Amino acid sequence: MAKKQDLQEWIIAALKAHGGEAHLTRIAQHIWENHEAELLASGDLFYTWQYDMRWQAQHLKAAGKLEKHRKSWRLTGK
């Protein structure tokens, strides 16, 4: 079963798949396409995952792993 913390790994994977930078909607699309079954089986997270994804991105930003650039998110390389 997926947990909120899994979203951090999925965000990083989505960004890597898009060359290190992507718009929020592309990240969400990548996560859905690659983790649909896990999200469907995740209980309440299924209903909140896009909101939680933004919070997990904030944690990545605070850790220096991600930065927001205009309307995109970008990996910092850390």
N, C-alpha and C. Protein backbone atom coordinates (compact mmCIF):
# COMPACT_ATOMS: atom_id res chain seq x y z
N MET A 1 0.85 -1.17 0.00
CA MET A 1 0.00 0.00 0.00
C MET A 1 0.89 1.24 0.00
N ALA A 2 0.59 2.18 -0.87
CA ALA A 2 1.38 3.41 -0.98
C ALA A 2 1.14 4.31 0.23
N LYS A 3 2.18 5.03 0.58
CA LYS A 3 2.12 6.00 1.68
C LYS A 3 2.53 7.37 1.16
N LYS A 4 2.19 8.42 1.89
CA LYS A 4 2.52 9.77 1.46
C LYS A 4 4.00 9.93 1.14
N GLN A 5 4.86 9.30 1.95
CA GLN A 5 6.29 9.43 1.76
C GLN A 5 6.75 8.83 0.43
N ASP A 6 6.02 7.86 -0.09
CA ASP A 6 6.36 7.28 -1.39
C ASP A 6 6.29 8.32 -2.50
N LEU A 7 5.45 9.31 -2.30
CA LEU A 7 5.30 10.35 -3.32
C LEU A 7 6.61 11.09 -3.57
N GLN A 8 7.47 11.22 -2.57
CA GLN A 8 8.75 11.88 -2.79
C GLN A 8 9.57 11.13 -3.83
N GLU A 9 9.67 9.82 -3.68
CA GLU A 9 10.41 9.01 -4.65
C GLU A 9 9.76 9.10 -6.03
N TRP A 10 8.45 9.10 -6.06
CA TRP A 10 7.74 9.15 -7.33
C TRP A 10 7.92 10.50 -8.02
N ILE A 11 7.96 11.57 -7.24
CA ILE A 11 8.20 12.91 -7.80
C ILE A 11 9.59 12.95 -8.43
N ILE A 12 10.58 12.45 -7.71
CA ILE A 12 11.95 12.44 -8.22
C ILE A 12 12.03 11.61 -9.49
N ALA A 13 11.40 10.44 -9.50
CA ALA A 13 11.40 9.59 -10.69
C ALA A 13 10.73 10.29 -11.87
N ALA A 14 9.63 10.97 -11.62
CA ALA A 14 8.93 11.69 -12.68
C ALA A 14 9.79 12.81 -13.24
N LEU A 15 10.46 13.54 -12.36
CA LEU A 15 11.33 14.62 -12.83
C LEU A 15 12.49 14.07 -13.64
N LYS A 16 13.08 12.98 -13.19
CA LYS A 16 14.18 12.36 -13.95
C LYS A 16 13.69 11.91 -15.32
N ALA A 17 12.49 11.36 -15.38
CA ALA A 17 11.93 10.90 -16.65
C ALA A 17 11.67 12.05 -17.62
N HIS A 18 11.55 13.26 -17.08
CA HIS A 18 11.30 14.43 -17.91
C HIS A 18 12.52 15.34 -17.99
N GLY A 19 13.69 14.77 -17.82
CA GLY A 19 14.91 15.54 -17.99
C GLY A 19 15.28 16.42 -16.81
N GLY A 20 14.68 16.19 -15.66
CA GLY A 20 15.03 16.94 -14.46
C GLY A 20 14.12 18.12 -14.14
N GLU A 21 13.21 18.44 -15.05
CA GLU A 21 12.28 19.55 -14.82
C GLU A 21 10.96 19.26 -15.51
N ALA A 22 9.86 19.56 -14.84
CA ALA A 22 8.54 19.32 -15.43
C ALA A 22 7.49 20.15 -14.71
N HIS A 23 6.42 20.42 -15.43
CA HIS A 23 5.26 21.10 -14.87
C HIS A 23 4.52 20.13 -13.95
N LEU A 24 3.88 20.67 -12.96
CA LEU A 24 3.13 19.87 -11.98
C LEU A 24 2.19 18.86 -12.63
N THR A 25 1.50 19.26 -13.68
CA THR A 25 0.55 18.34 -14.31
C THR A 25 1.27 17.16 -14.97
N ARG A 26 2.45 17.37 -15.51
CA ARG A 26 3.22 16.27 -16.11
C ARG A 26 3.71 15.31 -15.03
N ILE A 27 4.08 15.86 -13.88
CA ILE A 27 4.52 15.02 -12.76
C ILE A 27 3.35 14.16 -12.29
N ALA A 28 2.19 14.77 -12.11
CA ALA A 28 1.00 14.03 -11.67
C ALA A 28 0.63 12.96 -12.70
N GLN A 29 0.71 13.30 -13.97
CA GLN A 29 0.39 12.34 -15.02
C GLN A 29 1.36 11.16 -14.97
N HIS A 30 2.64 11.44 -14.81
CA HIS A 30 3.65 10.38 -14.72
C HIS A 30 3.37 9.47 -13.52
N ILE A 31 3.08 10.07 -12.38
CA ILE A 31 2.79 9.28 -11.19
C ILE A 31 1.57 8.39 -11.42
N TRP A 32 0.52 8.95 -11.98
CA TRP A 32 -0.69 8.16 -12.22
C TRP A 32 -0.41 7.01 -13.19
N GLU A 33 0.30 7.30 -14.28
CA GLU A 33 0.58 6.27 -15.28
C GLU A 33 1.46 5.14 -14.74
N ASN A 34 2.31 5.45 -13.78
CA ASN A 34 3.25 4.46 -13.27
C ASN A 34 2.86 3.84 -11.93
N HIS A 35 1.90 4.45 -11.24
CA HIS A 35 1.55 3.97 -9.90
C HIS A 35 0.05 3.90 -9.66
N GLU A 36 -0.72 3.81 -10.73
CA GLU A 36 -2.18 3.79 -10.62
C GLU A 36 -2.66 2.69 -9.67
N ALA A 37 -2.16 1.48 -9.85
CA ALA A 37 -2.62 0.36 -9.01
C ALA A 37 -2.30 0.60 -7.54
N GLU A 38 -1.11 1.13 -7.27
CA GLU A 38 -0.73 1.40 -5.88
C GLU A 38 -1.61 2.49 -5.28
N LEU A 39 -1.91 3.51 -6.07
CA LEU A 39 -2.78 4.58 -5.58
C LEU A 39 -4.20 4.07 -5.33
N LEU A 40 -4.71 3.26 -6.23
CA LEU A 40 -6.06 2.73 -6.06
C LEU A 40 -6.18 1.87 -4.81
N ALA A 41 -5.09 1.23 -4.42
CA ALA A 41 -5.10 0.35 -3.25
C ALA A 41 -4.65 1.05 -1.97
N SER A 42 -4.48 2.37 -2.03
CA SER A 42 -3.87 3.09 -0.91
C SER A 42 -4.85 3.69 0.09
N GLY A 43 -6.11 3.32 0.01
CA GLY A 43 -7.08 3.86 0.96
C GLY A 43 -7.33 5.34 0.75
N ASP A 44 -7.29 6.11 1.82
CA ASP A 44 -7.58 7.54 1.74
C ASP A 44 -6.61 8.30 0.86
N LEU A 45 -5.38 7.81 0.74
CA LEU A 45 -4.40 8.50 -0.10
C LEU A 45 -4.89 8.62 -1.54
N PHE A 46 -5.69 7.68 -1.98
CA PHE A 46 -6.23 7.76 -3.34
C PHE A 46 -6.98 9.07 -3.56
N TYR A 47 -7.65 9.55 -2.55
CA TYR A 47 -8.45 10.76 -2.68
C TYR A 47 -7.65 12.04 -2.45
N THR A 48 -6.46 11.92 -1.90
CA THR A 48 -5.68 13.11 -1.54
C THR A 48 -4.31 13.16 -2.19
N TRP A 49 -3.95 12.22 -3.04
CA TRP A 49 -2.56 12.10 -3.48
C TRP A 49 -2.04 13.33 -4.21
N GLN A 50 -2.86 14.01 -4.99
CA GLN A 50 -2.35 15.19 -5.69
C GLN A 50 -2.07 16.34 -4.71
N TYR A 51 -2.89 16.48 -3.71
CA TYR A 51 -2.64 17.47 -2.65
C TYR A 51 -1.39 17.08 -1.87
N ASP A 52 -1.30 15.81 -1.49
CA ASP A 52 -0.15 15.32 -0.73
C ASP A 52 1.13 15.41 -1.55
N MET A 53 1.02 15.24 -2.85
CA MET A 53 2.19 15.36 -3.72
C MET A 53 2.82 16.75 -3.58
N ARG A 54 2.00 17.77 -3.49
CA ARG A 54 2.51 19.14 -3.34
C ARG A 54 3.22 19.30 -1.99
N TRP A 55 2.67 18.71 -0.94
CA TRP A 55 3.33 18.79 0.37
C TRP A 55 4.64 18.03 0.37
N GLN A 56 4.67 16.88 -0.28
CA GLN A 56 5.92 16.13 -0.34
C GLN A 56 6.96 16.88 -1.16
N ALA A 57 6.52 17.62 -2.16
CA ALA A 57 7.45 18.46 -2.92
C ALA A 57 8.03 19.55 -2.02
N GLN A 58 7.22 20.09 -1.12
CA GLN A 58 7.73 21.09 -0.16
C GLN A 58 8.81 20.48 0.72
N HIS A 59 8.63 19.23 1.14
CA HIS A 59 9.66 18.55 1.94
C HIS A 59 10.94 18.37 1.13
N LEU A 60 10.79 18.01 -0.15
CA LEU A 60 11.96 17.87 -1.01
C LEU A 60 12.66 19.22 -1.21
N LYS A 61 11.87 20.26 -1.33
CA LYS A 61 12.44 21.61 -1.47
C LYS A 61 13.21 21.99 -0.21
N ALA A 62 12.63 21.73 0.95
CA ALA A 62 13.29 22.05 2.23
C ALA A 62 14.59 21.25 2.39
N ALA A 63 14.64 20.06 1.81
CA ALA A 63 15.84 19.22 1.88
C ALA A 63 16.86 19.60 0.81
N GLY A 64 16.51 20.56 -0.04
CA GLY A 64 17.43 21.01 -1.08
C GLY A 64 17.47 20.13 -2.31
N LYS A 65 16.52 19.23 -2.45
CA LYS A 65 16.53 18.30 -3.58
C LYS A 65 15.70 18.79 -4.77
N LEU A 66 14.88 19.79 -4.53
CA LEU A 66 13.95 20.25 -5.55
C LEU A 66 13.83 21.77 -5.42
N GLU A 67 13.63 22.42 -6.55
CA GLU A 67 13.34 23.86 -6.53
C GLU A 67 12.19 24.13 -7.48
N LYS A 68 11.47 25.16 -7.16
CA LYS A 68 10.37 25.57 -8.02
C LYS A 68 10.89 26.65 -8.96
N HIS A 69 10.61 26.49 -10.24
CA HIS A 69 11.08 27.41 -11.26
C HIS A 69 9.89 27.78 -12.13
N ARG A 70 9.40 28.98 -11.96
CA ARG A 70 8.19 29.43 -12.63
C ARG A 70 7.04 28.48 -12.32
N LYS A 71 6.52 27.80 -13.32
CA LYS A 71 5.40 26.87 -13.08
C LYS A 71 5.87 25.41 -13.09
N SER A 72 7.17 25.21 -13.01
CA SER A 72 7.73 23.87 -13.03
C SER A 72 8.46 23.56 -11.74
N TRP A 73 8.73 22.29 -11.56
CA TRP A 73 9.60 21.82 -10.48
C TRP A 73 10.86 21.31 -11.14
N ARG A 74 12.00 21.49 -10.46
CA ARG A 74 13.28 21.11 -11.03
C ARG A 74 14.13 20.43 -9.96
N LEU A 75 14.82 19.36 -10.36
CA LEU A 75 15.76 18.70 -9.45
C LEU A 75 17.00 19.58 -9.31
N THR A 76 17.55 19.61 -8.12
CA THR A 76 18.74 20.43 -7.89
C THR A 76 20.03 19.65 -8.09
N GLY A 77 19.96 18.34 -8.12
CA GLY A 77 21.15 17.53 -8.26
C GLY A 77 21.75 17.11 -6.94
N LYS A 78 21.10 17.47 -5.84
CA LYS A 78 21.60 17.09 -4.51
C LYS A 78 21.05 15.76 -4.09
